[in-house]
N, C-alpha and C. Protein backbone atom coordinates (compact mmCIF):
# COMPACT_ATOMS: atom_id res chain seq x y z
N UNK A 1 -20.93 -5.69 -34.88
CA UNK A 1 -20.54 -5.11 -33.60
C UNK A 1 -20.10 -6.25 -32.69
N UNK A 2 -19.01 -6.05 -31.99
CA UNK A 2 -18.57 -7.07 -31.05
C UNK A 2 -18.78 -6.59 -29.63
N UNK A 3 -18.25 -7.31 -28.67
CA UNK A 3 -18.43 -6.96 -27.26
C UNK A 3 -17.42 -5.90 -26.85
N UNK A 4 -17.91 -4.86 -26.16
CA UNK A 4 -17.01 -3.88 -25.58
C UNK A 4 -17.58 -3.39 -24.26
N UNK A 5 -16.72 -2.93 -23.37
CA UNK A 5 -17.11 -2.70 -21.97
C UNK A 5 -18.17 -1.63 -21.77
N UNK A 6 -18.37 -0.74 -22.73
CA UNK A 6 -19.38 0.31 -22.57
C UNK A 6 -20.80 -0.17 -22.87
N UNK A 7 -20.94 -1.36 -23.43
CA UNK A 7 -22.27 -1.85 -23.78
C UNK A 7 -23.14 -2.05 -22.54
N UNK A 8 -24.41 -1.63 -22.66
CA UNK A 8 -25.40 -1.82 -21.59
C UNK A 8 -26.11 -3.14 -21.86
N UNK A 9 -26.09 -4.02 -20.86
CA UNK A 9 -26.55 -5.40 -21.05
C UNK A 9 -27.73 -5.73 -20.14
N UNK A 10 -28.71 -6.43 -20.70
CA UNK A 10 -29.81 -7.02 -19.95
C UNK A 10 -29.76 -8.53 -20.13
N UNK A 11 -29.88 -9.27 -19.03
CA UNK A 11 -29.79 -10.73 -19.07
C UNK A 11 -31.14 -11.30 -18.64
N UNK A 12 -31.72 -12.16 -19.49
CA UNK A 12 -33.02 -12.75 -19.22
C UNK A 12 -32.88 -14.27 -19.21
N UNK A 13 -33.15 -14.88 -18.06
CA UNK A 13 -32.91 -16.31 -17.88
C UNK A 13 -34.22 -17.08 -17.75
N UNK A 14 -34.42 -18.04 -18.63
CA UNK A 14 -35.55 -18.97 -18.56
C UNK A 14 -35.10 -20.12 -17.65
N UNK A 15 -35.40 -20.02 -16.35
CA UNK A 15 -34.90 -20.99 -15.36
C UNK A 15 -35.28 -22.42 -15.74
N UNK A 16 -36.54 -22.65 -16.08
CA UNK A 16 -36.99 -24.01 -16.37
C UNK A 16 -36.23 -24.61 -17.55
N UNK A 17 -36.01 -23.84 -18.59
CA UNK A 17 -35.29 -24.33 -19.75
C UNK A 17 -33.89 -24.78 -19.37
N UNK A 18 -33.20 -23.97 -18.60
CA UNK A 18 -31.84 -24.29 -18.19
C UNK A 18 -31.79 -25.45 -17.20
N UNK A 19 -32.68 -25.41 -16.22
CA UNK A 19 -32.70 -26.43 -15.18
C UNK A 19 -32.91 -27.82 -15.78
N UNK A 20 -33.93 -27.96 -16.62
CA UNK A 20 -34.22 -29.27 -17.18
C UNK A 20 -33.16 -29.73 -18.18
N UNK A 21 -32.61 -28.80 -18.93
CA UNK A 21 -31.54 -29.16 -19.86
C UNK A 21 -30.33 -29.70 -19.10
N UNK A 22 -29.94 -29.02 -18.04
CA UNK A 22 -28.77 -29.45 -17.24
C UNK A 22 -29.03 -30.81 -16.60
N UNK A 23 -30.25 -30.98 -16.10
CA UNK A 23 -30.59 -32.23 -15.43
C UNK A 23 -30.63 -33.40 -16.41
N UNK A 24 -31.28 -33.22 -17.54
CA UNK A 24 -31.43 -34.30 -18.52
C UNK A 24 -30.10 -34.61 -19.22
N UNK A 25 -29.39 -33.57 -19.63
CA UNK A 25 -28.16 -33.77 -20.41
C UNK A 25 -26.96 -34.17 -19.57
N UNK A 26 -26.85 -33.58 -18.37
CA UNK A 26 -25.62 -33.76 -17.59
C UNK A 26 -25.85 -34.24 -16.16
N UNK A 27 -27.10 -34.45 -15.77
CA UNK A 27 -27.44 -34.88 -14.40
C UNK A 27 -26.83 -33.96 -13.35
N UNK A 28 -26.82 -32.67 -13.65
CA UNK A 28 -26.23 -31.69 -12.73
C UNK A 28 -27.14 -30.47 -12.64
N UNK A 29 -26.73 -29.52 -11.79
CA UNK A 29 -27.45 -28.26 -11.64
C UNK A 29 -26.62 -27.14 -12.24
N UNK A 30 -27.29 -26.04 -12.54
CA UNK A 30 -26.65 -24.90 -13.20
C UNK A 30 -26.09 -23.93 -12.16
N UNK A 31 -24.91 -23.38 -12.47
CA UNK A 31 -24.32 -22.32 -11.65
C UNK A 31 -24.75 -20.99 -12.27
N UNK A 32 -25.86 -20.46 -11.78
CA UNK A 32 -26.44 -19.25 -12.36
C UNK A 32 -25.55 -18.03 -12.18
N UNK A 33 -24.81 -17.98 -11.10
CA UNK A 33 -23.90 -16.86 -10.85
C UNK A 33 -22.81 -16.80 -11.94
N UNK A 34 -22.26 -17.95 -12.28
CA UNK A 34 -21.22 -18.01 -13.33
C UNK A 34 -21.81 -17.65 -14.70
N UNK A 35 -23.05 -18.05 -14.92
CA UNK A 35 -23.69 -17.70 -16.20
C UNK A 35 -23.88 -16.19 -16.30
N UNK A 36 -24.25 -15.56 -15.20
CA UNK A 36 -24.41 -14.10 -15.22
C UNK A 36 -23.07 -13.40 -15.50
N UNK A 37 -22.00 -13.91 -14.90
CA UNK A 37 -20.66 -13.34 -15.17
C UNK A 37 -20.30 -13.49 -16.65
N UNK A 38 -20.58 -14.65 -17.21
CA UNK A 38 -20.28 -14.90 -18.63
C UNK A 38 -21.13 -14.01 -19.53
N UNK A 39 -22.39 -13.84 -19.16
CA UNK A 39 -23.32 -13.03 -19.97
C UNK A 39 -22.89 -11.58 -20.03
N UNK A 40 -22.43 -11.05 -18.92
CA UNK A 40 -22.02 -9.64 -18.90
C UNK A 40 -20.65 -9.45 -19.53
N UNK A 41 -19.76 -10.40 -19.38
CA UNK A 41 -18.43 -10.36 -20.01
C UNK A 41 -17.72 -9.02 -19.81
N UNK A 42 -17.79 -8.49 -18.59
CA UNK A 42 -17.10 -7.24 -18.28
C UNK A 42 -17.84 -6.00 -18.74
N UNK A 43 -19.04 -6.17 -19.28
CA UNK A 43 -19.83 -5.03 -19.75
C UNK A 43 -20.73 -4.51 -18.63
N UNK A 44 -21.47 -3.45 -18.89
CA UNK A 44 -22.32 -2.82 -17.88
C UNK A 44 -23.64 -3.56 -17.74
N UNK A 45 -23.82 -4.25 -16.63
CA UNK A 45 -25.07 -4.96 -16.38
C UNK A 45 -26.11 -3.95 -15.92
N UNK A 46 -27.18 -3.82 -16.67
CA UNK A 46 -28.27 -2.91 -16.31
C UNK A 46 -29.35 -3.66 -15.56
N UNK A 47 -29.67 -4.86 -16.04
CA UNK A 47 -30.73 -5.63 -15.40
C UNK A 47 -30.54 -7.11 -15.69
N UNK A 48 -30.74 -7.94 -14.66
CA UNK A 48 -30.68 -9.40 -14.82
C UNK A 48 -31.94 -9.96 -14.19
N UNK A 49 -32.74 -10.63 -15.00
CA UNK A 49 -34.01 -11.18 -14.53
C UNK A 49 -34.03 -12.68 -14.77
N UNK A 50 -34.39 -13.43 -13.72
CA UNK A 50 -34.57 -14.88 -13.83
C UNK A 50 -36.06 -15.16 -13.68
N UNK A 51 -36.60 -15.93 -14.60
CA UNK A 51 -38.03 -16.21 -14.66
C UNK A 51 -38.27 -17.65 -14.22
N UNK A 52 -39.06 -17.83 -13.15
CA UNK A 52 -39.29 -19.17 -12.62
C UNK A 52 -40.75 -19.47 -12.37
N UNK A 53 -40.98 -20.71 -12.01
CA UNK A 53 -42.33 -21.21 -11.74
C UNK A 53 -42.40 -21.69 -10.28
N UNK A 54 -43.48 -21.32 -9.62
CA UNK A 54 -43.74 -21.80 -8.26
C UNK A 54 -44.66 -23.01 -8.32
N UNK A 55 -44.30 -24.06 -7.59
CA UNK A 55 -45.14 -25.25 -7.52
C UNK A 55 -45.98 -25.21 -6.25
N UNK A 56 -46.95 -26.10 -6.16
CA UNK A 56 -47.80 -26.17 -4.97
C UNK A 56 -46.97 -26.54 -3.74
N UNK A 57 -45.97 -27.39 -3.92
CA UNK A 57 -45.11 -27.82 -2.80
C UNK A 57 -44.23 -26.68 -2.28
N UNK A 58 -43.88 -25.75 -3.14
CA UNK A 58 -43.04 -24.62 -2.74
C UNK A 58 -41.58 -24.96 -2.53
N UNK A 59 -41.13 -26.08 -3.07
CA UNK A 59 -39.75 -26.52 -2.86
C UNK A 59 -38.72 -25.63 -3.55
N UNK A 60 -39.15 -24.78 -4.46
CA UNK A 60 -38.22 -23.93 -5.20
C UNK A 60 -37.96 -22.58 -4.53
N UNK A 61 -38.66 -22.27 -3.44
CA UNK A 61 -38.55 -20.95 -2.81
C UNK A 61 -37.13 -20.62 -2.36
N UNK A 62 -36.43 -21.57 -1.74
CA UNK A 62 -35.05 -21.32 -1.29
C UNK A 62 -34.15 -21.02 -2.49
N UNK A 63 -34.36 -21.76 -3.56
CA UNK A 63 -33.57 -21.56 -4.77
C UNK A 63 -33.83 -20.17 -5.36
N UNK A 64 -35.10 -19.77 -5.45
CA UNK A 64 -35.43 -18.46 -6.00
C UNK A 64 -34.87 -17.34 -5.12
N UNK A 65 -34.92 -17.52 -3.80
CA UNK A 65 -34.33 -16.54 -2.87
C UNK A 65 -32.83 -16.44 -3.08
N UNK A 66 -32.18 -17.58 -3.27
CA UNK A 66 -30.72 -17.58 -3.49
C UNK A 66 -30.35 -16.88 -4.78
N UNK A 67 -31.16 -17.07 -5.81
CA UNK A 67 -30.89 -16.37 -7.08
C UNK A 67 -30.88 -14.87 -6.87
N UNK A 68 -31.79 -14.40 -6.05
CA UNK A 68 -31.90 -12.97 -5.80
C UNK A 68 -30.79 -12.47 -4.86
N UNK A 69 -30.58 -13.17 -3.76
CA UNK A 69 -29.66 -12.69 -2.72
C UNK A 69 -28.19 -12.95 -3.01
N UNK A 70 -27.87 -14.08 -3.64
CA UNK A 70 -26.45 -14.39 -3.84
C UNK A 70 -25.99 -14.34 -5.29
N UNK A 71 -26.91 -14.53 -6.23
CA UNK A 71 -26.49 -14.56 -7.63
C UNK A 71 -26.72 -13.23 -8.34
N UNK A 72 -27.51 -12.32 -7.74
CA UNK A 72 -27.68 -11.00 -8.32
C UNK A 72 -28.81 -10.84 -9.31
N UNK A 73 -29.76 -11.75 -9.30
CA UNK A 73 -30.89 -11.67 -10.22
C UNK A 73 -32.12 -11.06 -9.56
N UNK A 74 -32.89 -10.34 -10.36
CA UNK A 74 -34.26 -10.00 -9.99
C UNK A 74 -35.05 -11.24 -10.39
N UNK A 75 -35.91 -11.74 -9.52
CA UNK A 75 -36.65 -12.96 -9.82
C UNK A 75 -38.11 -12.63 -10.06
N UNK A 76 -38.62 -13.15 -11.17
CA UNK A 76 -40.06 -13.08 -11.45
C UNK A 76 -40.56 -14.52 -11.42
N UNK A 77 -41.57 -14.77 -10.60
CA UNK A 77 -42.09 -16.12 -10.49
C UNK A 77 -43.61 -16.10 -10.60
N UNK A 78 -44.13 -17.15 -11.22
CA UNK A 78 -45.58 -17.29 -11.29
C UNK A 78 -45.93 -18.74 -10.96
N UNK A 79 -47.19 -18.94 -10.61
CA UNK A 79 -47.63 -20.27 -10.20
C UNK A 79 -47.76 -21.21 -11.39
N UNK A 80 -47.45 -22.47 -11.14
CA UNK A 80 -47.64 -23.53 -12.11
C UNK A 80 -49.13 -23.68 -12.37
N UNK A 81 -49.51 -23.75 -13.63
CA UNK A 81 -50.92 -23.96 -13.97
C UNK A 81 -51.19 -25.47 -14.00
N UNK A 82 -52.24 -25.88 -13.29
CA UNK A 82 -52.64 -27.28 -13.31
C UNK A 82 -54.06 -27.33 -13.89
N UNK A 83 -54.20 -28.07 -14.98
CA UNK A 83 -55.47 -28.14 -15.69
C UNK A 83 -56.28 -29.35 -15.26
N UNK A 84 -57.61 -29.29 -15.43
CA UNK A 84 -58.42 -30.49 -15.15
C UNK A 84 -57.87 -31.66 -15.97
N UNK A 85 -57.73 -32.79 -15.34
CA UNK A 85 -57.13 -33.93 -16.03
C UNK A 85 -55.67 -34.11 -15.66
N UNK A 86 -55.10 -33.11 -14.95
CA UNK A 86 -53.74 -33.25 -14.45
C UNK A 86 -52.63 -32.63 -15.28
N UNK A 87 -52.93 -32.16 -16.48
CA UNK A 87 -51.89 -31.54 -17.30
C UNK A 87 -51.36 -30.28 -16.60
N UNK A 88 -50.05 -30.05 -16.75
CA UNK A 88 -49.42 -28.90 -16.10
C UNK A 88 -48.71 -28.05 -17.13
N UNK A 89 -48.69 -26.75 -16.86
CA UNK A 89 -48.00 -25.83 -17.76
C UNK A 89 -47.37 -24.73 -16.93
N UNK A 90 -46.13 -24.45 -17.25
CA UNK A 90 -45.44 -23.37 -16.56
C UNK A 90 -44.32 -22.84 -17.43
N UNK A 91 -44.59 -21.80 -18.16
CA UNK A 91 -43.51 -21.20 -18.95
C UNK A 91 -43.67 -19.69 -18.99
N UNK A 92 -42.59 -19.05 -19.33
CA UNK A 92 -42.51 -17.59 -19.33
C UNK A 92 -42.24 -17.04 -20.72
N UNK A 93 -42.43 -17.82 -21.77
CA UNK A 93 -42.03 -17.39 -23.11
C UNK A 93 -42.56 -16.00 -23.47
N UNK A 94 -43.85 -15.77 -23.27
CA UNK A 94 -44.42 -14.48 -23.65
C UNK A 94 -43.89 -13.37 -22.73
N UNK A 95 -43.80 -13.63 -21.44
CA UNK A 95 -43.29 -12.63 -20.50
C UNK A 95 -41.85 -12.23 -20.79
N UNK A 96 -41.02 -13.21 -21.09
CA UNK A 96 -39.62 -12.94 -21.43
C UNK A 96 -39.56 -12.13 -22.73
N UNK A 97 -40.35 -12.52 -23.72
CA UNK A 97 -40.34 -11.81 -25.00
C UNK A 97 -40.78 -10.36 -24.83
N UNK A 98 -41.82 -10.13 -24.06
CA UNK A 98 -42.31 -8.76 -23.84
C UNK A 98 -41.24 -7.94 -23.12
N UNK A 99 -40.65 -8.49 -22.07
CA UNK A 99 -39.59 -7.76 -21.34
C UNK A 99 -38.40 -7.47 -22.25
N UNK A 100 -38.00 -8.45 -23.05
CA UNK A 100 -36.86 -8.25 -23.96
C UNK A 100 -37.13 -7.11 -24.94
N UNK A 101 -38.33 -7.10 -25.51
CA UNK A 101 -38.67 -6.06 -26.48
C UNK A 101 -38.69 -4.69 -25.80
N UNK A 102 -39.30 -4.61 -24.63
CA UNK A 102 -39.34 -3.32 -23.91
C UNK A 102 -37.93 -2.85 -23.53
N UNK A 103 -37.10 -3.76 -23.03
CA UNK A 103 -35.77 -3.39 -22.57
C UNK A 103 -34.82 -3.07 -23.72
N UNK A 104 -35.05 -3.66 -24.88
CA UNK A 104 -34.12 -3.49 -26.01
C UNK A 104 -34.01 -2.05 -26.48
N UNK A 105 -35.02 -1.25 -26.17
CA UNK A 105 -34.99 0.16 -26.59
C UNK A 105 -33.96 0.97 -25.81
N UNK A 106 -33.57 0.49 -24.63
CA UNK A 106 -32.61 1.25 -23.82
C UNK A 106 -31.33 0.47 -23.50
N UNK A 107 -31.12 -0.64 -24.22
CA UNK A 107 -29.92 -1.45 -24.02
C UNK A 107 -29.17 -1.63 -25.34
N UNK A 108 -27.94 -2.07 -25.23
CA UNK A 108 -27.15 -2.41 -26.41
C UNK A 108 -27.19 -3.90 -26.69
N UNK A 109 -27.40 -4.68 -25.62
CA UNK A 109 -27.36 -6.14 -25.73
C UNK A 109 -28.42 -6.77 -24.83
N UNK A 110 -29.16 -7.72 -25.40
CA UNK A 110 -30.03 -8.60 -24.62
C UNK A 110 -29.35 -9.96 -24.65
N UNK A 111 -29.12 -10.55 -23.49
CA UNK A 111 -28.59 -11.90 -23.43
C UNK A 111 -29.73 -12.81 -23.00
N UNK A 112 -30.14 -13.69 -23.89
CA UNK A 112 -31.20 -14.65 -23.63
C UNK A 112 -30.56 -15.95 -23.18
N UNK A 113 -30.90 -16.39 -21.99
CA UNK A 113 -30.34 -17.63 -21.47
C UNK A 113 -31.43 -18.69 -21.59
N UNK A 114 -31.50 -19.28 -22.77
CA UNK A 114 -32.49 -20.30 -23.11
C UNK A 114 -32.17 -20.81 -24.51
N UNK A 115 -32.51 -22.06 -24.76
CA UNK A 115 -32.30 -22.61 -26.09
C UNK A 115 -33.59 -22.76 -26.88
N UNK A 116 -34.66 -22.19 -26.38
CA UNK A 116 -36.00 -22.36 -26.94
C UNK A 116 -36.17 -21.59 -28.25
N UNK A 117 -36.46 -22.30 -29.32
CA UNK A 117 -36.65 -21.70 -30.64
C UNK A 117 -37.86 -20.78 -30.73
N UNK A 118 -38.76 -20.84 -29.73
CA UNK A 118 -39.92 -19.95 -29.73
C UNK A 118 -39.51 -18.48 -29.65
N UNK A 119 -38.27 -18.21 -29.23
CA UNK A 119 -37.80 -16.83 -29.10
C UNK A 119 -37.29 -16.23 -30.41
N UNK A 120 -37.25 -17.00 -31.48
CA UNK A 120 -36.71 -16.50 -32.76
C UNK A 120 -37.45 -15.27 -33.27
N UNK A 121 -38.79 -15.24 -33.30
CA UNK A 121 -39.47 -14.02 -33.78
C UNK A 121 -39.13 -12.79 -32.93
N UNK A 122 -39.02 -12.97 -31.62
CA UNK A 122 -38.65 -11.87 -30.73
C UNK A 122 -37.24 -11.36 -31.08
N UNK A 123 -36.34 -12.31 -31.26
CA UNK A 123 -34.96 -11.97 -31.58
C UNK A 123 -34.87 -11.19 -32.89
N UNK A 124 -35.55 -11.68 -33.91
CA UNK A 124 -35.53 -11.01 -35.22
C UNK A 124 -36.14 -9.62 -35.12
N UNK A 125 -37.21 -9.48 -34.37
CA UNK A 125 -37.86 -8.18 -34.20
C UNK A 125 -36.90 -7.19 -33.53
N UNK A 126 -36.28 -7.61 -32.44
CA UNK A 126 -35.35 -6.72 -31.72
C UNK A 126 -34.18 -6.32 -32.62
N UNK A 127 -33.60 -7.28 -33.29
CA UNK A 127 -32.44 -7.00 -34.14
C UNK A 127 -32.79 -6.05 -35.29
N UNK A 128 -33.98 -6.18 -35.84
CA UNK A 128 -34.33 -5.36 -37.00
C UNK A 128 -34.93 -4.00 -36.64
N UNK A 129 -35.44 -3.84 -35.43
CA UNK A 129 -36.08 -2.56 -35.09
C UNK A 129 -35.26 -1.68 -34.15
N UNK A 130 -34.49 -2.28 -33.26
CA UNK A 130 -33.76 -1.46 -32.28
C UNK A 130 -32.25 -1.46 -32.51
N UNK A 131 -31.78 -2.43 -33.28
CA UNK A 131 -30.33 -2.53 -33.47
C UNK A 131 -29.63 -3.16 -32.28
N UNK A 132 -30.37 -3.55 -31.29
CA UNK A 132 -29.83 -4.18 -30.10
C UNK A 132 -29.33 -5.59 -30.47
N UNK A 133 -28.16 -5.94 -29.97
CA UNK A 133 -27.65 -7.31 -30.17
C UNK A 133 -28.48 -8.27 -29.33
N UNK A 134 -28.65 -9.48 -29.83
CA UNK A 134 -29.27 -10.54 -29.02
C UNK A 134 -28.31 -11.72 -29.00
N UNK A 135 -27.80 -11.99 -27.82
CA UNK A 135 -26.87 -13.10 -27.62
C UNK A 135 -27.60 -14.22 -26.89
N UNK A 136 -27.19 -15.45 -27.14
CA UNK A 136 -27.83 -16.60 -26.53
C UNK A 136 -26.80 -17.42 -25.76
N UNK A 137 -27.21 -17.85 -24.57
CA UNK A 137 -26.40 -18.77 -23.77
C UNK A 137 -27.28 -19.96 -23.45
N UNK A 138 -26.82 -21.17 -23.80
CA UNK A 138 -27.61 -22.38 -23.55
C UNK A 138 -26.74 -23.61 -23.81
N UNK A 139 -27.34 -24.77 -23.56
CA UNK A 139 -26.68 -26.04 -23.88
C UNK A 139 -26.98 -26.36 -25.34
N UNK A 140 -25.94 -26.57 -26.12
CA UNK A 140 -26.13 -26.75 -27.56
C UNK A 140 -27.03 -27.93 -27.89
N UNK A 141 -26.97 -28.98 -27.06
CA UNK A 141 -27.76 -30.19 -27.32
C UNK A 141 -29.26 -29.94 -27.24
N UNK A 142 -29.66 -28.90 -26.51
CA UNK A 142 -31.10 -28.63 -26.36
C UNK A 142 -31.46 -27.23 -26.89
N UNK A 143 -30.66 -26.75 -27.83
CA UNK A 143 -30.90 -25.41 -28.39
C UNK A 143 -31.29 -25.52 -29.86
N UNK A 144 -32.29 -24.74 -30.23
CA UNK A 144 -32.73 -24.67 -31.61
C UNK A 144 -31.57 -24.21 -32.50
N UNK A 145 -31.31 -24.95 -33.58
CA UNK A 145 -30.25 -24.55 -34.51
C UNK A 145 -30.52 -23.18 -35.12
N UNK A 146 -31.78 -22.91 -35.40
CA UNK A 146 -32.13 -21.62 -36.00
C UNK A 146 -31.90 -20.47 -35.00
N UNK A 147 -32.13 -20.74 -33.71
CA UNK A 147 -31.87 -19.73 -32.67
C UNK A 147 -30.38 -19.39 -32.66
N UNK A 148 -29.55 -20.42 -32.72
CA UNK A 148 -28.08 -20.21 -32.75
C UNK A 148 -27.71 -19.41 -34.00
N UNK A 149 -28.27 -19.78 -35.12
CA UNK A 149 -27.97 -19.13 -36.40
C UNK A 149 -28.34 -17.64 -36.38
N UNK A 150 -29.48 -17.31 -35.77
CA UNK A 150 -29.96 -15.93 -35.75
C UNK A 150 -29.29 -15.07 -34.68
N UNK A 151 -28.73 -15.70 -33.64
CA UNK A 151 -28.13 -14.96 -32.54
C UNK A 151 -26.88 -14.20 -32.99
N UNK A 152 -26.64 -13.06 -32.35
CA UNK A 152 -25.41 -12.30 -32.64
C UNK A 152 -24.19 -12.98 -32.03
N UNK A 153 -24.42 -13.81 -31.00
CA UNK A 153 -23.36 -14.60 -30.38
C UNK A 153 -24.03 -15.76 -29.67
N UNK A 154 -23.33 -16.88 -29.59
CA UNK A 154 -23.85 -18.04 -28.88
C UNK A 154 -22.77 -18.62 -28.00
N UNK A 155 -23.10 -18.83 -26.74
CA UNK A 155 -22.18 -19.48 -25.81
C UNK A 155 -22.79 -20.82 -25.43
N UNK A 156 -22.04 -21.88 -25.70
CA UNK A 156 -22.47 -23.24 -25.42
C UNK A 156 -22.02 -23.63 -24.01
N UNK A 157 -22.97 -23.78 -23.11
CA UNK A 157 -22.65 -24.13 -21.73
C UNK A 157 -22.02 -25.51 -21.60
N UNK A 158 -22.28 -26.40 -22.55
CA UNK A 158 -21.72 -27.74 -22.51
C UNK A 158 -20.21 -27.76 -22.76
N UNK A 159 -19.68 -26.69 -23.34
CA UNK A 159 -18.24 -26.64 -23.62
C UNK A 159 -17.41 -26.45 -22.36
N UNK A 160 -18.01 -25.93 -21.29
CA UNK A 160 -17.26 -25.71 -20.06
C UNK A 160 -18.11 -26.12 -18.86
N UNK A 161 -18.34 -27.42 -18.75
CA UNK A 161 -19.21 -27.95 -17.69
C UNK A 161 -18.67 -27.65 -16.30
N UNK A 162 -17.36 -27.65 -16.14
CA UNK A 162 -16.78 -27.37 -14.81
C UNK A 162 -17.13 -25.96 -14.34
N UNK A 163 -17.22 -25.04 -15.26
CA UNK A 163 -17.53 -23.65 -14.92
C UNK A 163 -19.02 -23.43 -14.68
N UNK A 164 -19.86 -24.02 -15.53
CA UNK A 164 -21.28 -23.66 -15.52
C UNK A 164 -22.21 -24.66 -14.80
N UNK A 165 -21.67 -25.80 -14.39
CA UNK A 165 -22.50 -26.80 -13.70
C UNK A 165 -21.97 -27.06 -12.30
N UNK A 166 -22.90 -27.41 -11.43
CA UNK A 166 -22.55 -27.71 -10.03
C UNK A 166 -22.76 -29.20 -9.82
């Protein structure tokens, strides 16, 4: 199945994965609005969710507000976990996977905006049980090869830096 305008699309963005990949690989920031346009590709956007982490400093609040107000995303944010000893953890892998599985029953396409190979079992489950396409958008340099291989489509953000980076 290829892309056609009647497809119902859900876009799920792992903000931290994209942010750090863009910063480390290209020393730039991501244009999330352009990524959403690319993800929908003229199809019917049903839901777009960006998953982020709140820090104690709260410096990301303006950014999260902008994602919602100007880029068209529903934002889900949770607090950064700080463990005794100073270790920090902040990821949405399980939350994104659960939302993707739940949404796949009523969509034609899930667009995962992350290069994290931890999503492979979720992707395989969705593809084999619901028939929903799973497309991936990420920077190829920081994307699991197996994730690319399993995806129904892959868009490499590094191929068009002028469009996807600020």
